[in-house]
Amino acid sequence: MSRRNEVTIEEGSTNVYADLGYADAAEMQRKSQLAGEIARAIKARRLTQSAAATLLGIDQSKISRITRGQFRGVSETKLLELVARLGHDVKIVVGPVRRRAGKIELQFA
C-alpha cells in the first residue's frame, strides 16, 4: 500500500518579508536590495572586504554582515551612502501629491 504525500504550493507576493509577516516588510525589502547592490559593487570592483571597509569607512565585520543580508540596525540612509561611495549615483525623486500614501521604490540602472 503506497501512501501519497500531497504538497501544497502557495504563490507568494513580490516581497518575501511581507510573506513572512514582518511589520516593516517594505523597508526590509529596500534594505535587502541595497545590500545586494553593495555586494555586487564590491565584487565588480574586485575589492576584498578589508579594502571595501577602508573605502567605505566602516568595519570589515559590518561589510561581512551587510553582504550576507544581516542589515538590521543599519539605516537605509547609511546603505544609500555606501552605494554612493562605491561609485553609484543615488537619485531621490519626489513626485506629485496623491490622495493615498506614497511609496518608496528603488530602481537600479
C-alpha atoms as a PDB file:
ATOM      1  CA  MET A   1       0.000   0.000   0.000  1.00  0.00           C
ATOM      2  CA  SER A   2       1.563   3.264  -1.051  1.00  0.00           C
ATOM      3  CA  ARG A   3       0.802   6.480   0.683  1.00  0.00           C
ATOM      4  CA  ARG A   4       0.644   9.667  -1.365  1.00  0.00           C
ATOM      5  CA  ASN A   5       2.078  12.839   0.103  1.00  0.00           C
ATOM      6  CA  GLU A   6       0.349  15.936  -1.094  1.00  0.00           C
ATOM      7  CA  VAL A   7       2.291  19.131  -1.495  1.00  0.00           C
ATOM      8  CA  THR A   8       0.537  22.457  -1.272  1.00  0.00           C
ATOM      9  CA  ILE A   9       2.144  25.295  -3.170  1.00  0.00           C
ATOM     10  CA  GLU A  10       1.224  28.832  -2.303  1.00  0.00           C
ATOM     11  CA  GLU A  11       2.234  31.693  -4.574  1.00  0.00           C
ATOM     12  CA  GLY A  12       3.988  34.482  -2.695  1.00  0.00           C
ATOM     13  CA  SER A  13       3.977  38.192  -3.253  1.00  0.00           C
ATOM     14  CA  THR A  14       6.922  40.137  -4.616  1.00  0.00           C
ATOM     15  CA  ASN A  15       8.084  40.826  -1.046  1.00  0.00           C
ATOM     16  CA  VAL A  16       9.348  37.814   0.886  1.00  0.00           C
ATOM     17  CA  TYR A  17       9.419  39.863   4.105  1.00  0.00           C
ATOM     18  CA  ALA A  18       5.692  40.576   3.781  1.00  0.00           C
ATOM     19  CA  ASP A  19       5.086  36.894   3.096  1.00  0.00           C
ATOM     20  CA  LEU A  20       6.938  36.086   6.321  1.00  0.00           C
ATOM     21  CA  GLY A  21       4.821  38.585   8.268  1.00  0.00           C
ATOM     22  CA  TYR A  22       7.402  41.291   9.047  1.00  0.00           C
ATOM     23  CA  ALA A  23       5.775  44.542  10.159  1.00  0.00           C
ATOM     24  CA  ASP A  24       8.476  46.567   8.366  1.00  0.00           C
ATOM     25  CA  ALA A  25       8.435  44.447   5.205  1.00  0.00           C
ATOM     26  CA  ALA A  26       8.732  47.301   2.678  1.00  0.00           C
ATOM     27  CA  GLU A  27      11.750  48.766   4.477  1.00  0.00           C
ATOM     28  CA  MET A  28      13.366  45.338   4.782  1.00  0.00           C
ATOM     29  CA  GLN A  29      12.928  44.714   1.056  1.00  0.00           C
ATOM     30  CA  ARG A  30      14.536  48.065   0.168  1.00  0.00           C
ATOM     31  CA  LYS A  31      17.411  47.378   2.541  1.00  0.00           C
ATOM     32  CA  SER A  32      17.832  43.940   1.001  1.00  0.00           C
ATOM     33  CA  GLN A  33      18.020  45.455  -2.481  1.00  0.00           C
ATOM     34  CA  LEU A  34      20.606  47.991  -1.319  1.00  0.00           C
ATOM     35  CA  ALA A  35      22.666  45.312   0.439  1.00  0.00           C
ATOM     36  CA  GLY A  36      22.604  43.243  -2.750  1.00  0.00           C
ATOM     37  CA  GLU A  37      23.801  46.218  -4.768  1.00  0.00           C
ATOM     38  CA  ILE A  38      26.609  46.837  -2.269  1.00  0.00           C
ATOM     39  CA  ALA A  39      27.709  43.212  -2.576  1.00  0.00           C
ATOM     40  CA  ARG A  40      27.585  43.384  -6.407  1.00  0.00           C
ATOM     41  CA  ALA A  41      29.586  46.629  -6.471  1.00  0.00           C
ATOM     42  CA  ILE A  42      32.255  45.216  -4.156  1.00  0.00           C
ATOM     43  CA  LYS A  43      32.534  42.116  -6.344  1.00  0.00           C
ATOM     44  CA  ALA A  44      32.577  44.134  -9.590  1.00  0.00           C
ATOM     45  CA  ARG A  45      35.415  46.286  -8.257  1.00  0.00           C
ATOM     46  CA  ARG A  46      37.218  43.141  -7.089  1.00  0.00           C
ATOM     47  CA  LEU A  47      37.599  44.524  -3.580  1.00  0.00           C
ATOM     48  CA  THR A  48      38.347  42.405  -0.569  1.00  0.00           C
ATOM     49  CA  GLN A  49      36.104  43.024   2.408  1.00  0.00           C
ATOM     50  CA  SER A  50      39.031  44.765   4.102  1.00  0.00           C
ATOM     51  CA  ALA A  51      39.612  47.055   1.122  1.00  0.00           C
ATOM     52  CA  ALA A  52      35.882  47.761   0.873  1.00  0.00           C
ATOM     53  CA  ALA A  53      35.764  48.561   4.592  1.00  0.00           C
ATOM     54  CA  THR A  54      38.614  51.057   4.194  1.00  0.00           C
ATOM     55  CA  LEU A  55      36.937  52.665   1.168  1.00  0.00           C
ATOM     56  CA  LEU A  56      33.562  52.852   2.916  1.00  0.00           C
ATOM     57  CA  GLY A  57      34.865  53.909   6.319  1.00  0.00           C
ATOM     58  CA  ILE A  58      33.244  51.069   8.242  1.00  0.00           C
ATOM     59  CA  ASP A  59      34.459  47.876   9.922  1.00  0.00           C
ATOM     60  CA  GLN A  60      35.124  44.773   7.822  1.00  0.00           C
ATOM     61  CA  SER A  61      32.766  42.819  10.065  1.00  0.00           C
ATOM     62  CA  LYS A  62      29.940  45.201   9.138  1.00  0.00           C
ATOM     63  CA  ILE A  63      30.705  44.699   5.430  1.00  0.00           C
ATOM     64  CA  SER A  64      30.520  40.962   6.013  1.00  0.00           C
ATOM     65  CA  ARG A  65      27.161  41.225   7.790  1.00  0.00           C
ATOM     66  CA  ILE A  66      25.628  43.547   5.181  1.00  0.00           C
ATOM     67  CA  THR A  67      26.735  41.407   2.231  1.00  0.00           C
ATOM     68  CA  ARG A  68      25.262  38.325   3.950  1.00  0.00           C
ATOM     69  CA  GLY A  69      21.906  40.081   4.326  1.00  0.00           C
ATOM     70  CA  GLN A  70      22.231  40.911   8.011  1.00  0.00           C
ATOM     71  CA  PHE A  71      21.403  44.583   7.813  1.00  0.00           C
ATOM     72  CA  ARG A  72      19.128  45.127  10.808  1.00  0.00           C
ATOM     73  CA  GLY A  73      20.491  48.067  12.736  1.00  0.00           C
ATOM     74  CA  VAL A  74      21.848  49.703   9.562  1.00  0.00           C
ATOM     75  CA  SER A  75      19.687  52.561   8.305  1.00  0.00           C
ATOM     76  CA  GLU A  76      18.524  52.917   4.721  1.00  0.00           C
ATOM     77  CA  THR A  77      20.341  56.237   4.671  1.00  0.00           C
ATOM     78  CA  LYS A  78      23.620  54.550   5.599  1.00  0.00           C
ATOM     79  CA  LEU A  79      23.111  51.875   2.919  1.00  0.00           C
ATOM     80  CA  LEU A  80      22.421  54.598   0.318  1.00  0.00           C
ATOM     81  CA  GLU A  81      25.601  56.368   1.419  1.00  0.00           C
ATOM     82  CA  LEU A  82      27.597  53.148   0.979  1.00  0.00           C
ATOM     83  CA  VAL A  83      26.150  52.621  -2.507  1.00  0.00           C
ATOM     84  CA  ALA A  84      27.238  56.168  -3.440  1.00  0.00           C
ATOM     85  CA  ARG A  85      30.735  55.632  -2.020  1.00  0.00           C
ATOM     86  CA  LEU A  86      31.024  52.574  -4.246  1.00  0.00           C
ATOM     87  CA  GLY A  87      30.613  54.795  -7.299  1.00  0.00           C
ATOM     88  CA  HIS A  88      26.880  54.710  -7.949  1.00  0.00           C
ATOM     89  CA  ASP A  89      24.797  57.825  -8.346  1.00  0.00           C
ATOM     90  CA  VAL A  90      21.859  57.923  -5.952  1.00  0.00           C
ATOM     91  CA  LYS A  91      18.880  59.982  -7.044  1.00  0.00           C
ATOM     92  CA  ILE A  92      15.819  60.627  -4.907  1.00  0.00           C
ATOM     93  CA  VAL A  93      12.759  61.801  -6.809  1.00  0.00           C
ATOM     94  CA  VAL A  94       9.761  63.257  -5.032  1.00  0.00           C
ATOM     95  CA  GLY A  95       6.605  63.069  -7.129  1.00  0.00           C
ATOM     96  CA  PRO A  96       3.281  64.882  -7.000  1.00  0.00           C
ATOM     97  CA  VAL A  97       0.885  64.695  -4.069  1.00  0.00           C
ATOM     98  CA  ARG A  98      -1.580  61.811  -4.214  1.00  0.00           C
ATOM     99  CA  ARG A  99      -4.779  61.064  -2.394  1.00  0.00           C
ATOM    100  CA  ARG A 100      -3.237  57.911  -0.943  1.00  0.00           C
ATOM    101  CA  ALA A 101       0.031  57.386   0.847  1.00  0.00           C
ATOM    102  CA  GLY A 102       3.020  57.471  -1.472  1.00  0.00           C
ATOM    103  CA  LYS A 103       5.503  54.651  -1.848  1.00  0.00           C
ATOM    104  CA  ILE A 104       9.254  54.337  -1.835  1.00  0.00           C
ATOM    105  CA  GLU A 105      10.823  52.205  -4.527  1.00  0.00           C
ATOM    106  CA  LEU A 106      14.336  51.594  -5.778  1.00  0.00           C
ATOM    107  CA  GLN A 107      15.477  51.354  -9.381  1.00  0.00           C
ATOM    108  CA  PHE A 108      18.928  50.192 -10.361  1.00  0.00           C
ATOM    109  CA  ALA A 109      20.361  51.198 -13.725  1.00  0.00           C
END
